[in-house]
Structure formats: structure tokens, C-alpha cells
Amino acid sequence: MTTRICPRAPLSALLLAALLAGCAIRPSGPAEIRSGSATEILSSFRSEQGFSTVSPDKTLEAAALQQARYMAASNKMEHDTGWGRDFASRMKDAGIETAAAENIAHGRMDTAKVFQMWENSPPHRRNMLDPRFAHFGLASATAKDGKRYWALVLGR
């Protein structure tokens, strides 16, 4: 999105435009998501199924946040981005060289609900129960229309 501002616009108008541009996508920070007990939910689910627990990882979280923000900005739920970058390319660019998987979702829901949806979906469930994964990153971002986009990246 390009914002054009008159060269003679007062400083307050410039500041307002900058502030409004930053409000278009509201990412949820790690503290908000962790307070929703993502680690506890995912580790408990894995443990109940006989798998090891997982722990948060900042690199995986950054990759998840990048995808959540992209989906919120484009208002599309997809693994590829409009810049022609597929999941494998995004992971490599993020410095994730090992096996990884991604679950995505959208809707006005909290952390527990999004995990419940993924648990009930065979492909998403398979990703969450993959024994190769010991770490994860979870992020969400909210689009202008209020729809929340979620991305979970699992890795070693």
C-alpha cells in the first residue's frame, strides 16, 4: 500500500498517516500467545499420544509470524506467498535447514480453539505428532477486517 502525502501537509497529518499505516495488521506477540498456553496445549496433546513434549523456538516463531502477517496483509490463507515463495523457500530463508512442517488457520478464535481444530484435522494432527519435531513457533496476525490468521511452524 502506498500512502501519498502532500509535501505541505502538517507534521501531525504525517504522524497520523504513519500511525494508521501501522494499524492495518496487528500481530499477536509471543507473550500473548504463550499466555494462552500454546506450549502446554501442544505438549499435552503430544504426551497423551505417546510423543515427547515440545518447546518454543524463536527462529520458528519468527517464521510463523512472517507467514501470519503475510496472510493477514493479503487476506488469504495459504502456505505460499504472493512473492512466489513456497514453504521450503521460506524455511531456508529463515535459517531453518532441518525438517519442518506448517499448520495454518484463520478465524476469530483463541489459542485453544485453533489447536483443537488442528487436532481434529488428519494432516494437521500428523504434523503436530511428527516424532522428528521437538520445537515450534506459533504466531497470529489480525487483518483489517478482524479475521485472525494463525501459523504454527514445527521443527527439530
N, C-alpha and C. Protein backbone atom coordinates (compact mmCIF):
# COMPACT_ATOMS: atom_id res chain seq x y z
N MET A 1 0.84 -1.17 0.00
CA MET A 1 0.00 0.00 0.00
C MET A 1 0.88 1.23 0.00
N THR A 2 0.63 2.17 -0.88
CA THR A 2 1.38 3.40 -0.94
C THR A 2 0.52 4.53 -0.42
N THR A 3 1.09 5.30 0.50
CA THR A 3 0.38 6.44 1.04
C THR A 3 1.01 7.69 0.46
N ARG A 4 0.22 8.52 -0.19
CA ARG A 4 0.72 9.77 -0.76
C ARG A 4 0.31 10.88 0.18
N ILE A 5 1.28 11.71 0.52
CA ILE A 5 1.03 12.82 1.43
C ILE A 5 1.51 14.10 0.75
N CYS A 6 0.71 15.12 0.84
CA CYS A 6 1.05 16.42 0.27
C CYS A 6 2.31 16.95 0.93
N PRO A 7 3.28 17.48 0.17
CA PRO A 7 4.51 17.99 0.77
C PRO A 7 4.27 19.10 1.77
N ARG A 8 3.14 19.76 1.68
CA ARG A 8 2.85 20.85 2.61
C ARG A 8 2.00 20.40 3.79
N ALA A 9 1.77 19.10 3.91
CA ALA A 9 0.92 18.60 5.00
C ALA A 9 1.59 18.88 6.34
N PRO A 10 0.80 19.22 7.33
CA PRO A 10 1.36 19.49 8.64
C PRO A 10 1.95 18.20 9.24
N LEU A 11 2.89 18.35 10.14
CA LEU A 11 3.56 17.22 10.77
C LEU A 11 2.55 16.28 11.44
N SER A 12 1.50 16.83 12.03
CA SER A 12 0.50 15.98 12.68
C SER A 12 -0.17 15.05 11.68
N ALA A 13 -0.39 15.51 10.45
CA ALA A 13 -1.00 14.66 9.42
C ALA A 13 -0.04 13.54 9.04
N LEU A 14 1.24 13.86 8.94
CA LEU A 14 2.24 12.83 8.63
C LEU A 14 2.29 11.78 9.72
N LEU A 15 2.28 12.22 10.97
CA LEU A 15 2.31 11.28 12.09
C LEU A 15 1.05 10.42 12.12
N LEU A 16 -0.09 11.01 11.86
CA LEU A 16 -1.34 10.26 11.84
C LEU A 16 -1.31 9.20 10.73
N ALA A 17 -0.83 9.57 9.55
CA ALA A 17 -0.74 8.61 8.45
C ALA A 17 0.18 7.46 8.80
N ALA A 18 1.30 7.75 9.42
CA ALA A 18 2.23 6.69 9.83
C ALA A 18 1.59 5.79 10.87
N LEU A 19 0.89 6.37 11.81
CA LEU A 19 0.23 5.59 12.85
C LEU A 19 -0.84 4.68 12.25
N LEU A 20 -1.66 5.22 11.35
CA LEU A 20 -2.72 4.42 10.74
C LEU A 20 -2.15 3.31 9.87
N ALA A 21 -1.06 3.56 9.18
CA ALA A 21 -0.44 2.52 8.35
C ALA A 21 0.02 1.37 9.20
N GLY A 22 0.50 1.63 10.40
CA GLY A 22 0.97 0.58 11.28
C GLY A 22 -0.16 -0.21 11.92
N CYS A 23 -1.38 0.27 11.85
CA CYS A 23 -2.50 -0.41 12.49
C CYS A 23 -3.20 -1.39 11.56
N ALA A 24 -2.84 -1.44 10.32
CA ALA A 24 -3.53 -2.30 9.37
C ALA A 24 -3.45 -3.76 9.75
N ILE A 25 -2.30 -4.20 10.24
CA ILE A 25 -2.11 -5.59 10.64
C ILE A 25 -1.63 -5.57 12.07
N ARG A 26 -2.35 -6.27 12.93
CA ARG A 26 -1.98 -6.28 14.34
C ARG A 26 -1.48 -7.67 14.72
N PRO A 27 -0.16 -7.88 14.71
CA PRO A 27 0.34 -9.20 15.07
C PRO A 27 0.19 -9.44 16.57
N SER A 28 -0.05 -10.68 16.92
CA SER A 28 -0.06 -11.06 18.32
C SER A 28 1.35 -11.42 18.71
N GLY A 29 1.82 -10.84 19.77
CA GLY A 29 3.18 -11.10 20.20
C GLY A 29 3.31 -12.43 20.92
N PRO A 30 4.54 -12.89 21.08
CA PRO A 30 4.80 -14.16 21.75
C PRO A 30 4.20 -14.22 23.16
N ALA A 31 4.24 -13.12 23.90
CA ALA A 31 3.71 -13.15 25.26
C ALA A 31 2.22 -13.45 25.27
N GLU A 32 1.47 -12.84 24.35
CA GLU A 32 0.02 -13.08 24.29
C GLU A 32 -0.27 -14.53 23.97
N ILE A 33 0.44 -15.07 23.01
CA ILE A 33 0.18 -16.45 22.61
C ILE A 33 0.62 -17.42 23.70
N ARG A 34 1.77 -17.19 24.28
CA ARG A 34 2.25 -18.10 25.32
C ARG A 34 1.33 -18.05 26.54
N SER A 35 0.77 -16.88 26.82
CA SER A 35 -0.14 -16.82 27.96
C SER A 35 -1.39 -17.65 27.67
N GLY A 36 -1.65 -17.92 26.40
CA GLY A 36 -2.73 -18.80 26.00
C GLY A 36 -2.32 -20.26 26.11
N SER A 37 -1.14 -20.52 26.62
CA SER A 37 -0.59 -21.83 26.92
C SER A 37 -0.38 -22.73 25.71
N ALA A 38 0.13 -22.17 24.62
CA ALA A 38 0.41 -22.97 23.43
C ALA A 38 1.36 -24.11 23.74
N THR A 39 2.40 -23.84 24.51
CA THR A 39 3.36 -24.89 24.85
C THR A 39 2.67 -26.00 25.62
N GLU A 40 1.86 -25.62 26.58
CA GLU A 40 1.14 -26.60 27.39
C GLU A 40 0.15 -27.40 26.54
N ILE A 41 -0.60 -26.72 25.69
CA ILE A 41 -1.60 -27.40 24.85
C ILE A 41 -0.93 -28.40 23.92
N LEU A 42 0.09 -27.94 23.19
CA LEU A 42 0.75 -28.81 22.22
C LEU A 42 1.51 -29.94 22.90
N SER A 43 2.23 -29.63 23.97
CA SER A 43 2.99 -30.68 24.67
C SER A 43 2.06 -31.70 25.30
N SER A 44 0.97 -31.25 25.88
CA SER A 44 0.00 -32.16 26.48
C SER A 44 -0.60 -33.09 25.43
N PHE A 45 -0.98 -32.52 24.29
CA PHE A 45 -1.54 -33.30 23.19
C PHE A 45 -0.55 -34.37 22.74
N ARG A 46 0.69 -33.97 22.54
CA ARG A 46 1.72 -34.92 22.10
C ARG A 46 1.96 -35.99 23.17
N SER A 47 2.02 -35.59 24.41
CA SER A 47 2.27 -36.52 25.51
C SER A 47 1.14 -37.55 25.62
N GLU A 48 -0.10 -37.10 25.48
CA GLU A 48 -1.25 -38.01 25.54
C GLU A 48 -1.20 -39.06 24.44
N GLN A 49 -0.56 -38.74 23.34
CA GLN A 49 -0.45 -39.66 22.20
C GLN A 49 0.85 -40.47 22.25
N GLY A 50 1.63 -40.30 23.31
CA GLY A 50 2.87 -41.07 23.48
C GLY A 50 4.10 -40.44 22.84
N PHE A 51 4.05 -39.15 22.53
CA PHE A 51 5.18 -38.46 21.92
C PHE A 51 5.83 -37.50 22.92
N SER A 52 7.07 -37.11 22.63
CA SER A 52 7.78 -36.17 23.50
C SER A 52 7.14 -34.79 23.45
N THR A 53 7.38 -34.01 24.48
CA THR A 53 6.87 -32.64 24.53
C THR A 53 7.70 -31.76 23.60
N VAL A 54 7.25 -30.56 23.39
CA VAL A 54 7.94 -29.60 22.52
C VAL A 54 8.18 -28.31 23.29
N SER A 55 9.10 -27.52 22.78
CA SER A 55 9.37 -26.23 23.41
C SER A 55 9.39 -25.13 22.34
N PRO A 56 9.10 -23.90 22.75
CA PRO A 56 9.08 -22.79 21.80
C PRO A 56 10.49 -22.50 21.27
N ASP A 57 10.55 -22.01 20.05
CA ASP A 57 11.82 -21.68 19.41
C ASP A 57 11.66 -20.34 18.71
N LYS A 58 12.58 -19.40 18.98
CA LYS A 58 12.47 -18.05 18.43
C LYS A 58 12.58 -18.01 16.90
N THR A 59 13.41 -18.87 16.31
CA THR A 59 13.55 -18.89 14.86
C THR A 59 12.27 -19.38 14.21
N LEU A 60 11.69 -20.46 14.77
CA LEU A 60 10.44 -20.98 14.23
C LEU A 60 9.30 -19.99 14.46
N GLU A 61 9.34 -19.29 15.58
CA GLU A 61 8.33 -18.28 15.87
C GLU A 61 8.40 -17.13 14.88
N ALA A 62 9.61 -16.71 14.53
CA ALA A 62 9.77 -15.63 13.56
C ALA A 62 9.22 -16.05 12.19
N ALA A 63 9.48 -17.30 11.80
CA ALA A 63 8.95 -17.81 10.54
C ALA A 63 7.43 -17.87 10.56
N ALA A 64 6.86 -18.28 11.69
CA ALA A 64 5.41 -18.33 11.82
C ALA A 64 4.81 -16.93 11.77
N LEU A 65 5.45 -15.98 12.44
CA LEU A 65 4.94 -14.61 12.45
C LEU A 65 5.00 -13.99 11.06
N GLN A 66 6.06 -14.26 10.33
CA GLN A 66 6.16 -13.75 8.97
C GLN A 66 5.00 -14.25 8.12
N GLN A 67 4.67 -15.54 8.23
CA GLN A 67 3.58 -16.11 7.44
C GLN A 67 2.23 -15.58 7.90
N ALA A 68 2.03 -15.48 9.21
CA ALA A 68 0.76 -14.95 9.73
C ALA A 68 0.55 -13.51 9.24
N ARG A 69 1.60 -12.71 9.27
CA ARG A 69 1.50 -11.33 8.79
C ARG A 69 1.20 -11.27 7.30
N TYR A 70 1.86 -12.13 6.53
CA TYR A 70 1.60 -12.16 5.09
C TYR A 70 0.13 -12.50 4.83
N MET A 71 -0.37 -13.54 5.50
CA MET A 71 -1.76 -13.94 5.27
C MET A 71 -2.73 -12.84 5.67
N ALA A 72 -2.45 -12.16 6.79
CA ALA A 72 -3.33 -11.06 7.22
C ALA A 72 -3.29 -9.90 6.23
N ALA A 73 -2.12 -9.59 5.71
CA ALA A 73 -2.00 -8.48 4.76
C ALA A 73 -2.69 -8.80 3.44
N SER A 74 -2.61 -10.06 3.01
CA SER A 74 -3.21 -10.45 1.73
C SER A 74 -4.64 -10.95 1.89
N ASN A 75 -5.04 -11.17 3.15
CA ASN A 75 -6.37 -11.70 3.46
C ASN A 75 -6.60 -13.03 2.75
N LYS A 76 -5.54 -13.86 2.71
CA LYS A 76 -5.60 -15.19 2.10
C LYS A 76 -4.91 -16.18 3.02
N MET A 77 -5.52 -17.33 3.18
CA MET A 77 -4.90 -18.39 3.95
C MET A 77 -4.22 -19.34 2.97
N GLU A 78 -2.89 -19.29 2.94
CA GLU A 78 -2.14 -20.15 2.04
C GLU A 78 -0.71 -20.32 2.53
N HIS A 79 -0.10 -21.43 2.13
CA HIS A 79 1.28 -21.70 2.54
C HIS A 79 2.27 -20.93 1.67
N ASP A 80 1.94 -20.69 0.42
CA ASP A 80 2.82 -19.91 -0.46
C ASP A 80 2.52 -18.44 -0.25
N THR A 81 3.47 -17.61 -0.62
CA THR A 81 3.25 -16.18 -0.52
C THR A 81 3.11 -15.58 -1.91
N GLY A 82 2.61 -14.40 -1.97
CA GLY A 82 2.45 -13.71 -3.24
C GLY A 82 3.77 -13.36 -3.90
N TRP A 83 4.85 -13.46 -3.14
CA TRP A 83 6.18 -13.17 -3.67
C TRP A 83 6.78 -14.42 -4.31
N GLY A 84 5.95 -15.47 -4.50
CA GLY A 84 6.42 -16.69 -5.14
C GLY A 84 7.29 -17.56 -4.25
N ARG A 85 7.16 -17.41 -2.96
CA ARG A 85 7.98 -18.18 -2.03
C ARG A 85 7.12 -19.28 -1.41
N ASP A 86 7.50 -20.52 -1.66
CA ASP A 86 6.79 -21.64 -1.07
C ASP A 86 7.34 -21.92 0.33
N PHE A 87 6.75 -22.89 1.00
CA PHE A 87 7.13 -23.19 2.39
C PHE A 87 8.61 -23.53 2.50
N ALA A 88 9.12 -24.39 1.63
CA ALA A 88 10.53 -24.79 1.71
C ALA A 88 11.45 -23.58 1.54
N SER A 89 11.14 -22.70 0.61
CA SER A 89 11.95 -21.49 0.40
C SER A 89 11.91 -20.58 1.61
N ARG A 90 10.72 -20.41 2.18
CA ARG A 90 10.60 -19.55 3.36
C ARG A 90 11.41 -20.10 4.53
N MET A 91 11.38 -21.42 4.72
CA MET A 91 12.13 -22.02 5.82
C MET A 91 13.63 -21.85 5.61
N LYS A 92 14.08 -22.07 4.40
CA LYS A 92 15.50 -21.90 4.10
C LYS A 92 15.93 -20.46 4.34
N ASP A 93 15.13 -19.51 3.87
CA ASP A 93 15.43 -18.09 4.06
C ASP A 93 15.45 -17.70 5.54
N ALA A 94 14.66 -18.41 6.35
CA ALA A 94 14.59 -18.13 7.79
C ALA A 94 15.72 -18.81 8.56
N GLY A 95 16.54 -19.59 7.85
CA GLY A 95 17.64 -20.27 8.51
C GLY A 95 17.27 -21.62 9.09
N ILE A 96 16.15 -22.16 8.66
CA ILE A 96 15.69 -23.45 9.15
C ILE A 96 16.07 -24.49 8.10
N GLU A 97 17.14 -25.22 8.37
CA GLU A 97 17.70 -26.16 7.39
C GLU A 97 17.23 -27.60 7.62
N THR A 98 16.56 -27.86 8.74
CA THR A 98 16.14 -29.22 9.06
C THR A 98 14.68 -29.42 8.66
N ALA A 99 14.17 -30.62 8.90
CA ALA A 99 12.77 -30.92 8.60
C ALA A 99 11.86 -29.94 9.35
N ALA A 100 10.80 -29.54 8.69
CA ALA A 100 9.84 -28.62 9.29
C ALA A 100 8.47 -28.87 8.68
N ALA A 101 7.45 -28.42 9.38
CA ALA A 101 6.07 -28.52 8.90
C ALA A 101 5.33 -27.27 9.34
N GLU A 102 4.23 -26.97 8.66
CA GLU A 102 3.46 -25.77 8.97
C GLU A 102 1.98 -26.08 8.98
N ASN A 103 1.30 -25.59 10.00
CA ASN A 103 -0.16 -25.60 10.06
C ASN A 103 -0.60 -24.15 10.01
N ILE A 104 -1.65 -23.88 9.23
CA ILE A 104 -2.20 -22.53 9.19
C ILE A 104 -3.70 -22.59 9.41
N ALA A 105 -4.27 -21.48 9.83
CA ALA A 105 -5.71 -21.40 10.08
C ALA A 105 -6.12 -19.93 10.04
N HIS A 106 -7.42 -19.69 9.97
CA HIS A 106 -7.92 -18.32 10.09
C HIS A 106 -9.27 -18.35 10.78
N GLY A 107 -9.57 -17.27 11.43
CA GLY A 107 -10.85 -17.13 12.11
C GLY A 107 -10.66 -16.41 13.43
N ARG A 108 -11.76 -15.99 13.99
CA ARG A 108 -11.73 -15.29 15.28
C ARG A 108 -11.80 -16.34 16.38
N MET A 109 -10.64 -16.86 16.77
CA MET A 109 -10.57 -17.91 17.79
C MET A 109 -9.36 -17.69 18.66
N ASP A 110 -9.36 -18.36 19.80
CA ASP A 110 -8.22 -18.27 20.69
C ASP A 110 -7.27 -19.44 20.44
N THR A 111 -6.18 -19.46 21.18
CA THR A 111 -5.15 -20.48 21.00
C THR A 111 -5.70 -21.88 21.19
N ALA A 112 -6.48 -22.10 22.23
CA ALA A 112 -7.02 -23.44 22.50
C ALA A 112 -7.89 -23.92 21.34
N LYS A 113 -8.70 -23.05 20.79
CA LYS A 113 -9.60 -23.43 19.70
C LYS A 113 -8.84 -23.78 18.43
N VAL A 114 -7.81 -23.00 18.10
CA VAL A 114 -7.06 -23.30 16.88
C VAL A 114 -6.34 -24.65 17.01
N PHE A 115 -5.81 -24.96 18.19
CA PHE A 115 -5.17 -26.26 18.38
C PHE A 115 -6.20 -27.39 18.31
N GLN A 116 -7.39 -27.15 18.85
CA GLN A 116 -8.44 -28.17 18.78
C GLN A 116 -8.80 -28.45 17.32
N MET A 117 -8.90 -27.42 16.51
CA MET A 117 -9.20 -27.60 15.10
C MET A 117 -8.09 -28.42 14.42
N TRP A 118 -6.84 -28.10 14.70
CA TRP A 118 -5.73 -28.83 14.09
C TRP A 118 -5.69 -30.28 14.57
N GLU A 119 -6.03 -30.51 15.84
CA GLU A 119 -6.04 -31.88 16.37
C GLU A 119 -7.07 -32.74 15.64
N ASN A 120 -8.17 -32.13 15.21
CA ASN A 120 -9.26 -32.85 14.55
C ASN A 120 -9.11 -32.95 13.04
N SER A 121 -8.03 -32.44 12.51
CA SER A 121 -7.76 -32.49 11.06
C SER A 121 -6.58 -33.43 10.82
N PRO A 122 -6.79 -34.56 10.13
CA PRO A 122 -5.71 -35.54 9.98
C PRO A 122 -4.36 -35.00 9.50
N PRO A 123 -4.30 -34.15 8.46
CA PRO A 123 -2.97 -33.67 8.05
C PRO A 123 -2.30 -32.77 9.10
N HIS A 124 -3.10 -31.92 9.76
CA HIS A 124 -2.55 -31.04 10.79
C HIS A 124 -2.15 -31.84 12.02
N ARG A 125 -2.95 -32.80 12.38
CA ARG A 125 -2.66 -33.70 13.51
C ARG A 125 -1.34 -34.43 13.26
N ARG A 126 -1.17 -34.92 12.04
CA ARG A 126 0.05 -35.64 11.67
C ARG A 126 1.28 -34.74 11.86
N ASN A 127 1.18 -33.50 11.46
CA ASN A 127 2.29 -32.55 11.66
C ASN A 127 2.61 -32.38 13.14
N MET A 128 1.56 -32.20 13.95
CA MET A 128 1.78 -31.96 15.39
C MET A 128 2.32 -33.18 16.11
N LEU A 129 2.07 -34.37 15.56
CA LEU A 129 2.54 -35.60 16.20
C LEU A 129 3.79 -36.18 15.54
N ASP A 130 4.38 -35.45 14.63
CA ASP A 130 5.59 -35.95 13.96
C ASP A 130 6.71 -36.08 14.99
N PRO A 131 7.26 -37.29 15.17
CA PRO A 131 8.27 -37.52 16.20
C PRO A 131 9.59 -36.79 15.95
N ARG A 132 9.80 -36.30 14.74
CA ARG A 132 11.04 -35.56 14.45
C ARG A 132 11.06 -34.18 15.09
N PHE A 133 9.91 -33.66 15.44
CA PHE A 133 9.84 -32.28 15.90
C PHE A 133 9.92 -32.16 17.42
N ALA A 134 10.78 -31.26 17.87
CA ALA A 134 10.95 -31.00 19.30
C ALA A 134 10.70 -29.53 19.63
N HIS A 135 10.53 -28.70 18.59
CA HIS A 135 10.35 -27.26 18.81
C HIS A 135 9.23 -26.75 17.92
N PHE A 136 8.72 -25.58 18.28
CA PHE A 136 7.66 -24.96 17.48
C PHE A 136 7.70 -23.46 17.62
N GLY A 137 7.04 -22.80 16.68
CA GLY A 137 6.80 -21.37 16.74
C GLY A 137 5.35 -21.15 16.36
N LEU A 138 4.64 -20.36 17.13
CA LEU A 138 3.24 -20.06 16.87
C LEU A 138 3.07 -18.56 16.82
N ALA A 139 2.31 -18.09 15.84
CA ALA A 139 2.05 -16.66 15.74
C ALA A 139 0.69 -16.44 15.11
N SER A 140 0.17 -15.25 15.33
CA SER A 140 -1.06 -14.85 14.65
C SER A 140 -0.97 -13.37 14.32
N ALA A 141 -1.75 -12.98 13.33
CA ALA A 141 -1.86 -11.57 12.95
C ALA A 141 -3.31 -11.34 12.54
N THR A 142 -3.78 -10.14 12.78
CA THR A 142 -5.17 -9.81 12.50
C THR A 142 -5.26 -8.87 11.30
N ALA A 143 -6.09 -9.24 10.35
CA ALA A 143 -6.31 -8.44 9.15
C ALA A 143 -7.21 -7.24 9.47
N LYS A 144 -7.31 -6.35 8.51
CA LYS A 144 -8.15 -5.15 8.67
C LYS A 144 -9.58 -5.49 9.01
N ASP A 145 -10.09 -6.60 8.46
CA ASP A 145 -11.49 -6.97 8.70
C ASP A 145 -11.69 -7.71 10.02
N GLY A 146 -10.63 -7.85 10.80
CA GLY A 146 -10.74 -8.50 12.10
C GLY A 146 -10.49 -9.99 12.08
N LYS A 147 -10.31 -10.57 10.90
CA LYS A 147 -10.04 -12.00 10.80
C LYS A 147 -8.61 -12.27 11.28
N ARG A 148 -8.46 -13.27 12.12
CA ARG A 148 -7.15 -13.61 12.66
C ARG A 148 -6.56 -14.77 11.86
N TYR A 149 -5.31 -14.62 11.48
CA TYR A 149 -4.58 -15.65 10.74
C TYR A 149 -3.52 -16.25 11.65
N TRP A 150 -3.48 -17.58 11.66
CA TRP A 150 -2.57 -18.32 12.53
C TRP A 150 -1.55 -19.11 11.71
N ALA A 151 -0.34 -19.22 12.23
CA ALA A 151 0.68 -20.07 11.62
C ALA A 151 1.45 -20.77 12.74
N LEU A 152 1.57 -22.08 12.60
CA LEU A 152 2.36 -22.91 13.52
C LEU A 152 3.45 -23.55 12.69
N VAL A 153 4.71 -23.34 13.07
CA VAL A 153 5.82 -23.98 12.38
C VAL A 153 6.49 -24.92 13.37
N LEU A 154 6.59 -26.17 12.98
CA LEU A 154 7.20 -27.19 13.81
C LEU A 154 8.55 -27.57 13.20
N GLY A 155 9.54 -27.84 14.05
CA GLY A 155 10.86 -28.21 13.56
C GLY A 155 11.66 -28.95 14.62
N ARG A 156 12.88 -29.29 14.23
CA ARG A 156 13.76 -30.05 15.13
C ARG A 156 14.39 -29.19 16.19
